[in-house]
Amino acid sequence: LLASAGWAWYSLPSGPETLHLARSAHVHVRKWSGPHGIDLNLLGNRYDYSLNTGLDNISPHFINAVIASEDHRYYEHGVVYKMAKFAQAGVLCALRKITPWAESRACRGNSTLPQQLARNLFLSETRSIRRKFTELLWAIKMETQLSKVELLELYMNRIYLGQGNFGVEMAARDYFRKSASQL
């Protein structure tokens, strides 16, 4: 398990790599170990990076609403909290599989904002313990190398807000015909 975690940690983009890829590339990519070392695998266009915006250009009401609904302990939690959420998700999913009357939504949620960011950046939506473990490691790696503000800004520019809108600026323009700062 420790060797697997070490390899996964090594294989994931670093904080600066994550920032660079998330801010500049117009593609959805995955870093993987190929026959010639570490490669970036192109998965396709997904985001309009011309609409990336800083937190100072997003309404604080929207930011507070996202934090309240998605990760109310965002500014407080660290590695231990993430590991506890990972364990909680594992237990709930295991109970769901062995207990027919458990709610189907038991395996959903339980991801911190950085874990959601990791999944949205380069991981698939496939539900598996491996994906969840990789998501956890990458979230920890990002939080050790990036500030909470940098992570939140990346999240706000990557969050899916329906009808093909990725990022708060795109969604604000599409839904309300105004900028994210006016939400």
C-alpha atoms as a PDB file:
ATOM      1  CA  LEU A   1       0.000   0.000   0.000  1.00  0.00           C
ATOM      2  CA  LEU A   2       2.807   2.396   0.881  1.00  0.00           C
ATOM      3  CA  ALA A   3       4.653   1.649  -2.381  1.00  0.00           C
ATOM      4  CA  SER A   4       1.422   2.145  -4.322  1.00  0.00           C
ATOM      5  CA  ALA A   5       0.819   5.480  -2.584  1.00  0.00           C
ATOM      6  CA  GLY A   6       4.400   6.555  -3.293  1.00  0.00           C
ATOM      7  CA  TRP A   7       4.108   5.683  -6.963  1.00  0.00           C
ATOM      8  CA  ALA A   8       0.748   7.449  -7.261  1.00  0.00           C
ATOM      9  CA  TRP A   9       2.215  10.539  -5.548  1.00  0.00           C
ATOM     10  CA  TYR A  10       5.158  10.558  -7.966  1.00  0.00           C
ATOM     11  CA  SER A  11       2.893  10.089 -10.996  1.00  0.00           C
ATOM     12  CA  LEU A  12       0.592  12.996 -10.173  1.00  0.00           C
ATOM     13  CA  PRO A  13       1.388  16.532 -11.368  1.00  0.00           C
ATOM     14  CA  SER A  14       3.066  18.763  -8.807  1.00  0.00           C
ATOM     15  CA  GLY A  15       1.378  21.919  -7.531  1.00  0.00           C
ATOM     16  CA  PRO A  16       3.199  24.186 -10.020  1.00  0.00           C
ATOM     17  CA  GLU A  17       2.480  21.708 -12.868  1.00  0.00           C
ATOM     18  CA  THR A  18      -1.170  21.690 -11.883  1.00  0.00           C
ATOM     19  CA  LEU A  19      -1.310  25.492 -11.888  1.00  0.00           C
ATOM     20  CA  HIS A  20       0.400  25.707 -15.254  1.00  0.00           C
ATOM     21  CA  LEU A  21      -1.797  23.073 -16.893  1.00  0.00           C
ATOM     22  CA  ALA A  22      -5.022  24.353 -15.404  1.00  0.00           C
ATOM     23  CA  ARG A  23      -4.342  27.965 -16.357  1.00  0.00           C
ATOM     24  CA  SER A  24      -2.839  27.593 -19.796  1.00  0.00           C
ATOM     25  CA  ALA A  25      -3.876  24.414 -21.578  1.00  0.00           C
ATOM     26  CA  HIS A  26      -7.101  24.346 -23.540  1.00  0.00           C
ATOM     27  CA  VAL A  27      -7.376  20.614 -23.151  1.00  0.00           C
ATOM     28  CA  HIS A  28      -8.391  18.039 -20.615  1.00  0.00           C
ATOM     29  CA  VAL A  29      -5.319  15.890 -19.929  1.00  0.00           C
ATOM     30  CA  ARG A  30      -4.165  13.070 -17.687  1.00  0.00           C
ATOM     31  CA  LYS A  31      -0.582  12.495 -16.556  1.00  0.00           C
ATOM     32  CA  TRP A  32       0.436   8.850 -16.825  1.00  0.00           C
ATOM     33  CA  SER A  33       3.501   6.677 -16.927  1.00  0.00           C
ATOM     34  CA  GLY A  34       4.084   5.405 -20.434  1.00  0.00           C
ATOM     35  CA  PRO A  35       6.855   3.366 -22.009  1.00  0.00           C
ATOM     36  CA  HIS A  36       8.966   6.517 -22.393  1.00  0.00           C
ATOM     37  CA  GLY A  37       8.450   7.959 -18.904  1.00  0.00           C
ATOM     38  CA  ILE A  38       5.789  10.372 -17.748  1.00  0.00           C
ATOM     39  CA  ASP A  39       3.396  11.472 -20.517  1.00  0.00           C
ATOM     40  CA  LEU A  40       0.395  13.759 -20.705  1.00  0.00           C
ATOM     41  CA  ASN A  41      -2.558  12.040 -22.336  1.00  0.00           C
ATOM     42  CA  LEU A  42      -4.892  14.349 -24.312  1.00  0.00           C
ATOM     43  CA  LEU A  43      -8.533  13.650 -23.513  1.00  0.00           C
ATOM     44  CA  GLY A  44     -10.030  16.559 -25.479  1.00  0.00           C
ATOM     45  CA  ASN A  45     -11.062  20.196 -25.270  1.00  0.00           C
ATOM     46  CA  ARG A  46     -13.252  20.948 -22.299  1.00  0.00           C
ATOM     47  CA  TYR A  47     -12.787  24.478 -20.983  1.00  0.00           C
ATOM     48  CA  ASP A  48     -12.580  28.016 -22.325  1.00  0.00           C
ATOM     49  CA  TYR A  49      -9.538  29.353 -20.509  1.00  0.00           C
ATOM     50  CA  SER A  50     -10.025  32.839 -21.892  1.00  0.00           C
ATOM     51  CA  LEU A  51     -12.725  33.194 -19.244  1.00  0.00           C
ATOM     52  CA  ASN A  52     -10.481  32.311 -16.291  1.00  0.00           C
ATOM     53  CA  THR A  53     -10.793  34.948 -13.632  1.00  0.00           C
ATOM     54  CA  GLY A  54      -9.223  35.740 -10.264  1.00  0.00           C
ATOM     55  CA  LEU A  55     -11.112  35.501  -6.987  1.00  0.00           C
ATOM     56  CA  ASP A  56     -11.156  39.285  -6.793  1.00  0.00           C
ATOM     57  CA  ASN A  57     -13.374  39.241  -9.917  1.00  0.00           C
ATOM     58  CA  ILE A  58     -15.895  36.791  -8.457  1.00  0.00           C
ATOM     59  CA  SER A  59     -18.686  37.907  -6.183  1.00  0.00           C
ATOM     60  CA  PRO A  60     -17.862  37.039  -2.550  1.00  0.00           C
ATOM     61  CA  HIS A  61     -21.496  35.916  -2.206  1.00  0.00           C
ATOM     62  CA  PHE A  62     -20.949  33.257  -4.871  1.00  0.00           C
ATOM     63  CA  ILE A  63     -17.656  32.158  -3.317  1.00  0.00           C
ATOM     64  CA  ASN A  64     -19.267  31.864   0.116  1.00  0.00           C
ATOM     65  CA  ALA A  65     -22.214  29.931  -1.340  1.00  0.00           C
ATOM     66  CA  VAL A  66     -19.906  27.434  -3.042  1.00  0.00           C
ATOM     67  CA  ILE A  67     -17.832  26.924   0.099  1.00  0.00           C
ATOM     68  CA  ALA A  68     -20.958  26.559   2.257  1.00  0.00           C
ATOM     69  CA  SER A  69     -22.501  23.967  -0.048  1.00  0.00           C
ATOM     70  CA  GLU A  70     -19.430  22.043  -1.193  1.00  0.00           C
ATOM     71  CA  ASP A  71     -16.869  22.162   1.643  1.00  0.00           C
ATOM     72  CA  HIS A  72     -17.861  24.251   4.658  1.00  0.00           C
ATOM     73  CA  ARG A  73     -14.553  23.495   6.419  1.00  0.00           C
ATOM     74  CA  TYR A  74     -12.424  24.464   3.424  1.00  0.00           C
ATOM     75  CA  TYR A  75     -10.222  26.969   5.259  1.00  0.00           C
ATOM     76  CA  GLU A  76      -9.820  24.738   8.314  1.00  0.00           C
ATOM     77  CA  HIS A  77      -9.101  21.203   7.103  1.00  0.00           C
ATOM     78  CA  GLY A  78      -5.833  19.538   6.288  1.00  0.00           C
ATOM     79  CA  VAL A  79      -4.455  16.083   5.618  1.00  0.00           C
ATOM     80  CA  VAL A  80      -6.058  14.332   8.615  1.00  0.00           C
ATOM     81  CA  TYR A  81      -9.518  15.628   7.716  1.00  0.00           C
ATOM     82  CA  LYS A  82      -9.112  14.444   4.111  1.00  0.00           C
ATOM     83  CA  MET A  83      -8.029  11.005   5.253  1.00  0.00           C
ATOM     84  CA  ALA A  84     -11.014  10.815   7.597  1.00  0.00           C
ATOM     85  CA  LYS A  85     -13.371  11.793   4.746  1.00  0.00           C
ATOM     86  CA  PHE A  86     -11.743   9.131   2.559  1.00  0.00           C
ATOM     87  CA  ALA A  87     -12.266   6.495   5.260  1.00  0.00           C
ATOM     88  CA  GLN A  88     -15.841   7.674   5.803  1.00  0.00           C
ATOM     89  CA  ALA A  89     -16.592   7.389   2.091  1.00  0.00           C
ATOM     90  CA  GLY A  90     -15.070   3.898   2.005  1.00  0.00           C
ATOM     91  CA  VAL A  91     -17.135   2.711   4.958  1.00  0.00           C
ATOM     92  CA  LEU A  92     -20.341   4.195   3.544  1.00  0.00           C
ATOM     93  CA  CYS A  93     -19.757   2.616   0.146  1.00  0.00           C
ATOM     94  CA  ALA A  94     -18.923  -0.745   1.705  1.00  0.00           C
ATOM     95  CA  LEU A  95     -22.112  -0.591   3.795  1.00  0.00           C
ATOM     96  CA  ARG A  96     -24.069   0.270   0.676  1.00  0.00           C
ATOM     97  CA  LYS A  97     -22.788  -2.844  -1.068  1.00  0.00           C
ATOM     98  CA  ILE A  98     -23.595  -5.222   1.787  1.00  0.00           C
ATOM     99  CA  THR A  99     -26.760  -3.550   3.092  1.00  0.00           C
ATOM    100  CA  PRO A 100     -29.614  -3.460   0.574  1.00  0.00           C
ATOM    101  CA  TRP A 101     -31.587  -0.849   2.541  1.00  0.00           C
ATOM    102  CA  ALA A 102     -28.739   1.671   2.742  1.00  0.00           C
ATOM    103  CA  GLU A 103     -29.298   4.801   0.705  1.00  0.00           C
ATOM    104  CA  SER A 104     -27.753   4.864  -2.773  1.00  0.00           C
ATOM    105  CA  ARG A 105     -26.430   8.359  -2.170  1.00  0.00           C
ATOM    106  CA  ALA A 106     -24.170   7.010   0.592  1.00  0.00           C
ATOM    107  CA  CYS A 107     -21.299   6.674  -1.890  1.00  0.00           C
ATOM    108  CA  ARG A 108     -21.674  10.213  -3.174  1.00  0.00           C
ATOM    109  CA  GLY A 109     -20.197  13.337  -1.715  1.00  0.00           C
ATOM    110  CA  ASN A 110     -17.573  13.126   0.998  1.00  0.00           C
ATOM    111  CA  SER A 111     -15.066  14.966  -1.196  1.00  0.00           C
ATOM    112  CA  THR A 112     -13.395  18.136  -0.065  1.00  0.00           C
ATOM    113  CA  LEU A 113     -13.109  21.005  -2.503  1.00  0.00           C
ATOM    114  CA  PRO A 114      -9.481  20.090  -3.419  1.00  0.00           C
ATOM    115  CA  GLN A 115     -10.545  16.483  -4.016  1.00  0.00           C
ATOM    116  CA  GLN A 116     -13.310  17.682  -6.340  1.00  0.00           C
ATOM    117  CA  LEU A 117     -10.758  19.877  -8.096  1.00  0.00           C
ATOM    118  CA  ALA A 118      -8.431  16.888  -8.575  1.00  0.00           C
ATOM    119  CA  ARG A 119     -11.257  14.850 -10.077  1.00  0.00           C
ATOM    120  CA  ASN A 120     -12.414  17.711 -12.306  1.00  0.00           C
ATOM    121  CA  LEU A 121      -8.916  18.520 -13.542  1.00  0.00           C
ATOM    122  CA  PHE A 122      -7.674  15.191 -14.787  1.00  0.00           C
ATOM    123  CA  LEU A 123      -9.429  12.220 -13.260  1.00  0.00           C
ATOM    124  CA  SER A 124     -12.474  10.409 -14.557  1.00  0.00           C
ATOM    125  CA  GLU A 125     -15.922  10.282 -12.999  1.00  0.00           C
ATOM    126  CA  THR A 126     -15.609   6.501 -12.645  1.00  0.00           C
ATOM    127  CA  ARG A 127     -16.475   5.479  -9.119  1.00  0.00           C
ATOM    128  CA  SER A 128     -13.731   3.299  -7.746  1.00  0.00           C
ATOM    129  CA  ILE A 129     -11.574   3.083  -4.677  1.00  0.00           C
ATOM    130  CA  ARG A 130      -8.515   3.584  -6.880  1.00  0.00           C
ATOM    131  CA  ARG A 131      -9.846   6.850  -8.308  1.00  0.00           C
ATOM    132  CA  LYS A 132     -10.865   8.021  -4.841  1.00  0.00           C
ATOM    133  CA  PHE A 133      -7.409   7.169  -3.469  1.00  0.00           C
ATOM    134  CA  THR A 134      -5.690   9.021  -6.346  1.00  0.00           C
ATOM    135  CA  GLU A 135      -8.033  11.968  -5.789  1.00  0.00           C
ATOM    136  CA  LEU A 136      -7.089  12.006  -2.096  1.00  0.00           C
ATOM    137  CA  LEU A 137      -3.352  11.908  -2.804  1.00  0.00           C
ATOM    138  CA  TRP A 138      -3.537  14.623  -5.431  1.00  0.00           C
ATOM    139  CA  ALA A 139      -5.634  16.840  -3.170  1.00  0.00           C
ATOM    140  CA  ILE A 140      -3.025  16.451  -0.426  1.00  0.00           C
ATOM    141  CA  LYS A 141      -0.213  17.115  -2.891  1.00  0.00           C
ATOM    142  CA  MET A 142      -1.929  20.248  -4.204  1.00  0.00           C
ATOM    143  CA  GLU A 143      -2.632  21.532  -0.702  1.00  0.00           C
ATOM    144  CA  THR A 144       0.984  21.074   0.341  1.00  0.00           C
ATOM    145  CA  GLN A 145       2.233  23.016  -2.686  1.00  0.00           C
ATOM    146  CA  LEU A 146      -0.493  25.586  -3.411  1.00  0.00           C
ATOM    147  CA  SER A 147      -2.299  28.114  -1.242  1.00  0.00           C
ATOM    148  CA  LYS A 148      -5.992  27.853  -0.374  1.00  0.00           C
ATOM    149  CA  VAL A 149      -6.583  30.948  -2.530  1.00  0.00           C
ATOM    150  CA  GLU A 150      -4.870  29.358  -5.559  1.00  0.00           C
ATOM    151  CA  LEU A 151      -6.870  26.155  -5.128  1.00  0.00           C
ATOM    152  CA  LEU A 152     -10.142  28.024  -4.730  1.00  0.00           C
ATOM    153  CA  GLU A 153      -9.423  30.119  -7.831  1.00  0.00           C
ATOM    154  CA  LEU A 154      -8.703  26.987  -9.874  1.00  0.00           C
ATOM    155  CA  TYR A 155     -11.900  25.408  -8.570  1.00  0.00           C
ATOM    156  CA  MET A 156     -14.008  28.462  -9.442  1.00  0.00           C
ATOM    157  CA  ASN A 157     -12.631  28.396 -12.975  1.00  0.00           C
ATOM    158  CA  ARG A 158     -13.254  24.637 -13.362  1.00  0.00           C
ATOM    159  CA  ILE A 159     -16.540  24.019 -11.564  1.00  0.00           C
ATOM    160  CA  TYR A 160     -19.249  22.610 -13.840  1.00  0.00           C
ATOM    161  CA  LEU A 161     -22.359  24.747 -13.556  1.00  0.00           C
ATOM    162  CA  GLY A 162     -24.632  23.044 -16.070  1.00  0.00           C
ATOM    163  CA  GLN A 163     -25.462  23.403 -19.766  1.00  0.00           C
ATOM    164  CA  GLY A 164     -21.833  23.128 -20.845  1.00  0.00           C
ATOM    165  CA  ASN A 165     -20.671  25.949 -18.557  1.00  0.00           C
ATOM    166  CA  PHE A 166     -17.318  25.303 -16.918  1.00  0.00           C
ATOM    167  CA  GLY A 167     -16.263  28.057 -14.551  1.00  0.00           C
ATOM    168  CA  VAL A 168     -18.165  30.821 -12.843  1.00  0.00           C
ATOM    169  CA  GLU A 169     -17.430  33.495 -15.457  1.00  0.00           C
ATOM    170  CA  MET A 170     -18.796  31.404 -18.323  1.00  0.00           C
ATOM    171  CA  ALA A 171     -21.880  30.454 -16.321  1.00  0.00           C
ATOM    172  CA  ALA A 172     -22.550  34.031 -15.162  1.00  0.00           C
ATOM    173  CA  ARG A 173     -22.395  35.289 -18.743  1.00  0.00           C
ATOM    174  CA  ASP A 174     -24.561  32.470 -20.074  1.00  0.00           C
ATOM    175  CA  TYR A 175     -27.247  32.440 -17.376  1.00  0.00           C
ATOM    176  CA  PHE A 176     -27.393  36.068 -16.269  1.00  0.00           C
ATOM    177  CA  ARG A 177     -25.649  38.063 -19.026  1.00  0.00           C
ATOM    178  CA  LYS A 178     -23.290  39.594 -16.462  1.00  0.00           C
ATOM    179  CA  SER A 179     -19.808  39.014 -15.131  1.00  0.00           C
ATOM    180  CA  ALA A 180     -19.002  36.813 -12.134  1.00  0.00           C
ATOM    181  CA  SER A 181     -18.223  39.906 -10.075  1.00  0.00           C
ATOM    182  CA  GLN A 182     -21.852  41.001 -10.400  1.00  0.00           C
ATOM    183  CA  LEU A 183     -23.432  37.783  -9.120  1.00  0.00           C
END
